[in-house]
Amino acid sequence: MAERDEKEPEIIISDRRPRFDLDEPESPDPSASVKEEKREEVPPPSPESSPEPSGKERQAGEVPGDHGLDQIFAILSGMVLNHLAFDPETRRPAQTFNIREARFFLGLMEAFQDAFRDKLPVALLDSRTVEVDESPRLGHIPAILGGMAISALGVDPRTGRPERAPDFDSAKLLIDLMDTFLREGESALGAEEKEYIKDMIYQAKMYFVSLKDRKS
């Protein structure tokens, strides 16, 4: 009995996975090895039956090692987003948040565009000329919030025409943020800017109330 136990390894029938914790039998079943050899003797496909992908297929990005300048551009863009990231749970800046670093990588993206303009895809090129009349200042922030509030109320801020149904919850949040900005930043704003912001808040609130009354 002892000799028989040594020759026959333990087999778990219900487990079809390879058992790495059991030693392989010293004398495997010859019929099984023949089957394995027959399985392995599969002739490789001929070159005619498996043609290489055409140049059009390679451009789709399926060929390993085919790296392009657009991938470098994407990495630079990812670095910008990384330094402007917010934690979605706390709604606070992430540990990597750094405006100056983000500005640095934005500058690199502009330099990259200029240097490789003739080699980058058209979608990555910013061909529009943007004229900046003045440098960014704090007064632009409530102006942007006000434009977003009007847009949330269903109006195109550029034309003043209604386009869609108003989103009162989003508009209220944006108007409240304008109030917060004015309250917290009063000491950093000039008298003219404060009056301008107050006027924007007043107009946004009046338009909000008039739309709310129409809906009710």
C-alpha atoms as a PDB file:
ATOM      1  CA  MET A   1       0.000   0.000   0.000  1.00  0.00           C
ATOM      2  CA  ALA A   2       2.846   2.387   0.834  1.00  0.00           C
ATOM      3  CA  GLU A   3       4.438   1.951  -2.592  1.00  0.00           C
ATOM      4  CA  ARG A   4       1.116   2.645  -4.304  1.00  0.00           C
ATOM      5  CA  ASP A   5       0.594   5.837  -2.303  1.00  0.00           C
ATOM      6  CA  GLU A   6       4.040   7.121  -3.270  1.00  0.00           C
ATOM      7  CA  LYS A   7       3.470   6.505  -6.969  1.00  0.00           C
ATOM      8  CA  GLU A   8       0.007   8.026  -7.223  1.00  0.00           C
ATOM      9  CA  PRO A   9      -0.133  11.808  -6.451  1.00  0.00           C
ATOM     10  CA  GLU A  10      -3.216  13.276  -4.879  1.00  0.00           C
ATOM     11  CA  ILE A  11      -5.663  14.602  -7.509  1.00  0.00           C
ATOM     12  CA  ILE A  12      -8.532  16.965  -6.833  1.00  0.00           C
ATOM     13  CA  ILE A  13     -11.085  16.223  -9.528  1.00  0.00           C
ATOM     14  CA  SER A  14     -13.268  19.291  -9.054  1.00  0.00           C
ATOM     15  CA  ASP A  15     -10.327  21.696  -9.408  1.00  0.00           C
ATOM     16  CA  ARG A  16      -9.400  22.142 -13.089  1.00  0.00           C
ATOM     17  CA  ARG A  17      -6.658  24.707 -12.403  1.00  0.00           C
ATOM     18  CA  PRO A  18      -2.977  23.689 -12.434  1.00  0.00           C
ATOM     19  CA  ARG A  19      -1.844  22.593  -8.969  1.00  0.00           C
ATOM     20  CA  PHE A  20       1.529  24.153  -8.244  1.00  0.00           C
ATOM     21  CA  ASP A  21       1.583  22.791  -4.699  1.00  0.00           C
ATOM     22  CA  LEU A  22       1.829  19.148  -5.841  1.00  0.00           C
ATOM     23  CA  ASP A  23       4.907  17.483  -7.281  1.00  0.00           C
ATOM     24  CA  GLU A  24       4.521  16.218 -10.817  1.00  0.00           C
ATOM     25  CA  PRO A  25       4.424  12.435 -11.098  1.00  0.00           C
ATOM     26  CA  GLU A  26       7.777  10.874 -11.957  1.00  0.00           C
ATOM     27  CA  SER A  27       6.275   8.735 -14.712  1.00  0.00           C
ATOM     28  CA  PRO A  28       3.491  10.700 -16.445  1.00  0.00           C
ATOM     29  CA  ASP A  29       0.869   8.986 -18.517  1.00  0.00           C
ATOM     30  CA  PRO A  30       2.460   8.365 -21.957  1.00  0.00           C
ATOM     31  CA  SER A  31      -0.826   8.871 -23.742  1.00  0.00           C
ATOM     32  CA  ALA A  32      -1.168  12.355 -22.208  1.00  0.00           C
ATOM     33  CA  SER A  33       2.303  13.386 -23.390  1.00  0.00           C
ATOM     34  CA  VAL A  34       1.511  12.202 -26.885  1.00  0.00           C
ATOM     35  CA  LYS A  35      -1.614  14.354 -26.890  1.00  0.00           C
ATOM     36  CA  GLU A  36       0.384  17.353 -25.718  1.00  0.00           C
ATOM     37  CA  GLU A  37       2.976  16.787 -28.453  1.00  0.00           C
ATOM     38  CA  LYS A  38       0.244  16.576 -31.074  1.00  0.00           C
ATOM     39  CA  ARG A  39      -1.239  19.801 -29.762  1.00  0.00           C
ATOM     40  CA  GLU A  40       2.061  21.614 -30.051  1.00  0.00           C
ATOM     41  CA  GLU A  41       2.716  20.427 -33.581  1.00  0.00           C
ATOM     42  CA  VAL A  42       0.595  23.151 -35.166  1.00  0.00           C
ATOM     43  CA  PRO A  43       2.263  24.574 -38.275  1.00  0.00           C
ATOM     44  CA  PRO A  44       2.817  28.341 -38.131  1.00  0.00           C
ATOM     45  CA  PRO A  45       0.696  30.436 -40.492  1.00  0.00           C
ATOM     46  CA  SER A  46       2.279  31.196 -43.815  1.00  0.00           C
ATOM     47  CA  PRO A  47       3.284  34.792 -44.597  1.00  0.00           C
ATOM     48  CA  GLU A  48       0.626  34.921 -47.303  1.00  0.00           C
ATOM     49  CA  SER A  49      -2.195  34.084 -44.867  1.00  0.00           C
ATOM     50  CA  SER A  50      -1.245  36.822 -42.364  1.00  0.00           C
ATOM     51  CA  PRO A  51      -0.306  39.982 -44.247  1.00  0.00           C
ATOM     52  CA  GLU A  52       1.200  42.882 -42.328  1.00  0.00           C
ATOM     53  CA  PRO A  53      -1.144  45.761 -41.513  1.00  0.00           C
ATOM     54  CA  SER A  54      -1.211  48.526 -44.054  1.00  0.00           C
ATOM     55  CA  GLY A  55       0.085  52.008 -43.381  1.00  0.00           C
ATOM     56  CA  LYS A  56      -3.484  53.230 -42.853  1.00  0.00           C
ATOM     57  CA  GLU A  57      -4.021  50.651 -40.086  1.00  0.00           C
ATOM     58  CA  ARG A  58      -0.751  51.582 -38.423  1.00  0.00           C
ATOM     59  CA  GLN A  59      -1.773  55.203 -38.214  1.00  0.00           C
ATOM     60  CA  ALA A  60      -4.732  54.191 -36.068  1.00  0.00           C
ATOM     61  CA  GLY A  61      -2.326  53.708 -33.151  1.00  0.00           C
ATOM     62  CA  GLU A  62      -2.513  49.914 -33.018  1.00  0.00           C
ATOM     63  CA  VAL A  63       1.152  49.326 -33.796  1.00  0.00           C
ATOM     64  CA  PRO A  64       3.288  49.155 -30.620  1.00  0.00           C
ATOM     65  CA  GLY A  65       6.181  51.569 -30.572  1.00  0.00           C
ATOM     66  CA  ASP A  66       4.511  54.023 -32.947  1.00  0.00           C
ATOM     67  CA  HIS A  67       4.891  57.138 -30.824  1.00  0.00           C
ATOM     68  CA  GLY A  68       3.901  60.578 -32.037  1.00  0.00           C
ATOM     69  CA  LEU A  69       4.322  64.190 -31.028  1.00  0.00           C
ATOM     70  CA  ASP A  70       0.657  64.315 -30.072  1.00  0.00           C
ATOM     71  CA  GLN A  71       1.415  61.930 -27.190  1.00  0.00           C
ATOM     72  CA  ILE A  72       4.028  64.337 -25.831  1.00  0.00           C
ATOM     73  CA  PHE A  73       1.467  67.119 -26.107  1.00  0.00           C
ATOM     74  CA  ALA A  74      -1.051  64.981 -24.209  1.00  0.00           C
ATOM     75  CA  ILE A  75       1.445  64.411 -21.390  1.00  0.00           C
ATOM     76  CA  LEU A  76       2.061  68.156 -21.071  1.00  0.00           C
ATOM     77  CA  SER A  77      -1.689  68.716 -20.955  1.00  0.00           C
ATOM     78  CA  GLY A  78      -1.986  66.073 -18.230  1.00  0.00           C
ATOM     79  CA  MET A  79       0.648  67.886 -16.176  1.00  0.00           C
ATOM     80  CA  VAL A  80      -1.407  71.089 -16.387  1.00  0.00           C
ATOM     81  CA  LEU A  81      -4.530  69.286 -15.183  1.00  0.00           C
ATOM     82  CA  ASN A  82      -2.539  67.554 -12.443  1.00  0.00           C
ATOM     83  CA  HIS A  83      -1.475  70.901 -10.999  1.00  0.00           C
ATOM     84  CA  LEU A  84      -5.046  72.250 -11.173  1.00  0.00           C
ATOM     85  CA  ALA A  85      -6.716  69.161  -9.694  1.00  0.00           C
ATOM     86  CA  PHE A  86      -9.410  69.317  -7.020  1.00  0.00           C
ATOM     87  CA  ASP A  87     -10.494  66.545  -4.682  1.00  0.00           C
ATOM     88  CA  PRO A  88     -14.054  65.670  -5.804  1.00  0.00           C
ATOM     89  CA  GLU A  89     -15.078  64.608  -2.278  1.00  0.00           C
ATOM     90  CA  THR A  90     -13.847  67.614  -0.296  1.00  0.00           C
ATOM     91  CA  ARG A  91     -14.059  70.130  -3.202  1.00  0.00           C
ATOM     92  CA  ARG A  92     -10.676  71.397  -2.066  1.00  0.00           C
ATOM     93  CA  PRO A  93      -7.416  71.629  -4.052  1.00  0.00           C
ATOM     94  CA  ALA A  94      -5.510  68.357  -4.305  1.00  0.00           C
ATOM     95  CA  GLN A  95      -1.987  67.998  -2.902  1.00  0.00           C
ATOM     96  CA  THR A  96      -0.502  68.587  -6.360  1.00  0.00           C
ATOM     97  CA  PHE A  97      -2.382  71.880  -6.823  1.00  0.00           C
ATOM     98  CA  ASN A  98       0.034  74.610  -7.916  1.00  0.00           C
ATOM     99  CA  ILE A  99      -1.032  77.453 -10.208  1.00  0.00           C
ATOM    100  CA  ARG A 100       2.516  78.508 -11.049  1.00  0.00           C
ATOM    101  CA  GLU A 101       3.478  74.977 -12.089  1.00  0.00           C
ATOM    102  CA  ALA A 102       0.322  74.761 -14.216  1.00  0.00           C
ATOM    103  CA  ARG A 103       1.237  78.068 -15.870  1.00  0.00           C
ATOM    104  CA  PHE A 104       4.757  76.724 -16.558  1.00  0.00           C
ATOM    105  CA  PHE A 105       3.402  73.669 -18.382  1.00  0.00           C
ATOM    106  CA  LEU A 106       0.906  75.823 -20.287  1.00  0.00           C
ATOM    107  CA  GLY A 107       3.880  77.847 -21.518  1.00  0.00           C
ATOM    108  CA  LEU A 108       5.583  74.630 -22.584  1.00  0.00           C
ATOM    109  CA  MET A 109       2.473  73.622 -24.531  1.00  0.00           C
ATOM    110  CA  GLU A 110       2.481  76.952 -26.381  1.00  0.00           C
ATOM    111  CA  ALA A 111       6.188  76.592 -27.198  1.00  0.00           C
ATOM    112  CA  PHE A 112       5.570  73.016 -28.339  1.00  0.00           C
ATOM    113  CA  GLN A 113       2.750  74.143 -30.639  1.00  0.00           C
ATOM    114  CA  ASP A 114       4.914  76.826 -32.203  1.00  0.00           C
ATOM    115  CA  ALA A 115       7.896  74.516 -32.727  1.00  0.00           C
ATOM    116  CA  PHE A 116       5.972  71.588 -34.235  1.00  0.00           C
ATOM    117  CA  ARG A 117       3.049  73.386 -35.869  1.00  0.00           C
ATOM    118  CA  ASP A 118       3.665  71.695 -39.229  1.00  0.00           C
ATOM    119  CA  LYS A 119       3.855  68.215 -37.658  1.00  0.00           C
ATOM    120  CA  LEU A 120       0.968  68.206 -35.190  1.00  0.00           C
ATOM    121  CA  PRO A 121      -2.612  67.185 -36.063  1.00  0.00           C
ATOM    122  CA  VAL A 122      -4.882  70.093 -36.937  1.00  0.00           C
ATOM    123  CA  ALA A 123      -7.048  69.350 -33.882  1.00  0.00           C
ATOM    124  CA  LEU A 124      -4.121  70.237 -31.579  1.00  0.00           C
ATOM    125  CA  LEU A 125      -3.418  73.586 -33.197  1.00  0.00           C
ATOM    126  CA  ASP A 126      -4.970  76.772 -31.891  1.00  0.00           C
ATOM    127  CA  SER A 127      -5.134  78.871 -35.038  1.00  0.00           C
ATOM    128  CA  ARG A 128      -7.507  81.450 -33.589  1.00  0.00           C
ATOM    129  CA  THR A 129      -5.935  84.759 -32.720  1.00  0.00           C
ATOM    130  CA  VAL A 130      -7.053  85.987 -29.320  1.00  0.00           C
ATOM    131  CA  GLU A 131      -6.556  89.657 -28.571  1.00  0.00           C
ATOM    132  CA  VAL A 132      -6.116  90.367 -24.883  1.00  0.00           C
ATOM    133  CA  ASP A 133      -7.079  93.952 -24.126  1.00  0.00           C
ATOM    134  CA  GLU A 134      -6.029  93.914 -20.477  1.00  0.00           C
ATOM    135  CA  SER A 135      -4.292  91.781 -17.900  1.00  0.00           C
ATOM    136  CA  PRO A 136      -6.351  89.508 -15.651  1.00  0.00           C
ATOM    137  CA  ARG A 137      -7.660  91.232 -12.543  1.00  0.00           C
ATOM    138  CA  LEU A 138      -9.956  90.302  -9.667  1.00  0.00           C
ATOM    139  CA  GLY A 139     -12.916  92.098 -11.212  1.00  0.00           C
ATOM    140  CA  HIS A 140     -12.984  89.533 -14.007  1.00  0.00           C
ATOM    141  CA  ILE A 141     -13.935  86.750 -11.575  1.00  0.00           C
ATOM    142  CA  PRO A 142     -17.416  88.024 -10.621  1.00  0.00           C
ATOM    143  CA  ALA A 143     -17.941  89.004 -14.266  1.00  0.00           C
ATOM    144  CA  ILE A 144     -17.311  85.390 -15.275  1.00  0.00           C
ATOM    145  CA  LEU A 145     -19.567  84.115 -12.484  1.00  0.00           C
ATOM    146  CA  GLY A 146     -22.277  86.538 -13.605  1.00  0.00           C
ATOM    147  CA  GLY A 147     -22.032  85.333 -17.204  1.00  0.00           C
ATOM    148  CA  MET A 148     -22.274  81.727 -16.010  1.00  0.00           C
ATOM    149  CA  ALA A 149     -25.330  82.611 -13.896  1.00  0.00           C
ATOM    150  CA  ILE A 150     -27.094  84.188 -16.880  1.00  0.00           C
ATOM    151  CA  SER A 151     -26.194  81.150 -18.975  1.00  0.00           C
ATOM    152  CA  ALA A 152     -27.602  78.855 -16.256  1.00  0.00           C
ATOM    153  CA  LEU A 153     -30.845  80.815 -16.510  1.00  0.00           C
ATOM    154  CA  GLY A 154     -31.057  79.718 -20.141  1.00  0.00           C
ATOM    155  CA  VAL A 155     -29.816  82.917 -21.802  1.00  0.00           C
ATOM    156  CA  ASP A 156     -26.839  83.289 -24.112  1.00  0.00           C
ATOM    157  CA  PRO A 157     -24.714  85.987 -22.397  1.00  0.00           C
ATOM    158  CA  ARG A 158     -23.363  87.157 -25.763  1.00  0.00           C
ATOM    159  CA  THR A 159     -26.723  87.776 -27.439  1.00  0.00           C
ATOM    160  CA  GLY A 160     -29.088  88.068 -24.456  1.00  0.00           C
ATOM    161  CA  ARG A 161     -31.539  85.673 -26.106  1.00  0.00           C
ATOM    162  CA  PRO A 162     -33.196  82.747 -24.277  1.00  0.00           C
ATOM    163  CA  GLU A 163     -31.931  79.383 -25.533  1.00  0.00           C
ATOM    164  CA  ARG A 164     -33.081  76.686 -23.090  1.00  0.00           C
ATOM    165  CA  ALA A 165     -34.973  76.049 -19.861  1.00  0.00           C
ATOM    166  CA  PRO A 166     -33.432  77.761 -16.818  1.00  0.00           C
ATOM    167  CA  ASP A 167     -31.514  75.830 -14.171  1.00  0.00           C
ATOM    168  CA  PHE A 168     -32.464  77.799 -11.056  1.00  0.00           C
ATOM    169  CA  ASP A 169     -30.325  75.765  -8.644  1.00  0.00           C
ATOM    170  CA  SER A 170     -27.116  76.355 -10.595  1.00  0.00           C
ATOM    171  CA  ALA A 171     -27.959  80.033 -11.156  1.00  0.00           C
ATOM    172  CA  LYS A 172     -28.605  80.562  -7.433  1.00  0.00           C
ATOM    173  CA  LEU A 173     -25.265  78.957  -6.547  1.00  0.00           C
ATOM    174  CA  LEU A 174     -23.392  81.228  -8.960  1.00  0.00           C
ATOM    175  CA  ILE A 175     -25.161  84.374  -7.721  1.00  0.00           C
ATOM    176  CA  ASP A 176     -24.370  83.382  -4.128  1.00  0.00           C
ATOM    177  CA  LEU A 177     -20.723  82.953  -5.126  1.00  0.00           C
ATOM    178  CA  MET A 178     -20.741  86.486  -6.514  1.00  0.00           C
ATOM    179  CA  ASP A 179     -22.052  87.723  -3.155  1.00  0.00           C
ATOM    180  CA  THR A 180     -19.343  85.742  -1.368  1.00  0.00           C
ATOM    181  CA  PHE A 181     -16.640  87.181  -3.606  1.00  0.00           C
ATOM    182  CA  LEU A 182     -17.801  90.732  -2.943  1.00  0.00           C
ATOM    183  CA  ARG A 183     -18.014  90.165   0.814  1.00  0.00           C
ATOM    184  CA  GLU A 184     -14.651  88.410   1.199  1.00  0.00           C
ATOM    185  CA  GLY A 185     -12.738  90.519  -1.319  1.00  0.00           C
ATOM    186  CA  GLU A 186     -14.060  93.948  -0.449  1.00  0.00           C
ATOM    187  CA  SER A 187     -10.740  95.116   0.973  1.00  0.00           C
ATOM    188  CA  ALA A 188      -8.857  94.056  -2.172  1.00  0.00           C
ATOM    189  CA  LEU A 189     -11.239  95.781  -4.609  1.00  0.00           C
ATOM    190  CA  GLY A 190     -11.361  99.379  -5.693  1.00  0.00           C
ATOM    191  CA  ALA A 191     -14.477 101.507  -5.342  1.00  0.00           C
ATOM    192  CA  GLU A 192     -15.250 101.361  -9.058  1.00  0.00           C
ATOM    193  CA  GLU A 193     -14.901  97.586  -9.155  1.00  0.00           C
ATOM    194  CA  LYS A 194     -17.150  97.150  -6.133  1.00  0.00           C
ATOM    195  CA  GLU A 195     -19.911  99.236  -7.705  1.00  0.00           C
ATOM    196  CA  TYR A 196     -19.587  97.285 -10.935  1.00  0.00           C
ATOM    197  CA  ILE A 197     -19.879  93.946  -9.091  1.00  0.00           C
ATOM    198  CA  LYS A 198     -22.853  95.142  -7.051  1.00  0.00           C
ATOM    199  CA  ASP A 199     -24.614  96.176 -10.247  1.00  0.00           C
ATOM    200  CA  MET A 200     -23.968  92.759 -11.824  1.00  0.00           C
ATOM    201  CA  ILE A 201     -25.300  90.967  -8.749  1.00  0.00           C
ATOM    202  CA  TYR A 202     -28.403  93.149  -8.678  1.00  0.00           C
ATOM    203  CA  GLN A 203     -29.181  92.550 -12.357  1.00  0.00           C
ATOM    204  CA  ALA A 204     -28.608  88.771 -12.030  1.00  0.00           C
ATOM    205  CA  LYS A 205     -30.899  88.594  -8.994  1.00  0.00           C
ATOM    206  CA  MET A 206     -33.655  90.621 -10.657  1.00  0.00           C
ATOM    207  CA  TYR A 207     -33.559  88.454 -13.763  1.00  0.00           C
ATOM    208  CA  PHE A 208     -33.590  85.333 -11.577  1.00  0.00           C
ATOM    209  CA  VAL A 209     -36.693  86.535  -9.712  1.00  0.00           C
ATOM    210  CA  SER A 210     -38.523  87.533 -12.909  1.00  0.00           C
ATOM    211  CA  LEU A 211     -37.935  84.091 -14.472  1.00  0.00           C
ATOM    212  CA  LYS A 212     -38.928  82.351 -11.259  1.00  0.00           C
ATOM    213  CA  ASP A 213     -42.198  84.308 -11.184  1.00  0.00           C
ATOM    214  CA  ARG A 214     -42.979  83.362 -14.786  1.00  0.00           C
ATOM    215  CA  LYS A 215     -42.447  79.675 -14.059  1.00  0.00           C
ATOM    216  CA  SER A 216     -44.646  79.755 -10.999  1.00  0.00           C
END
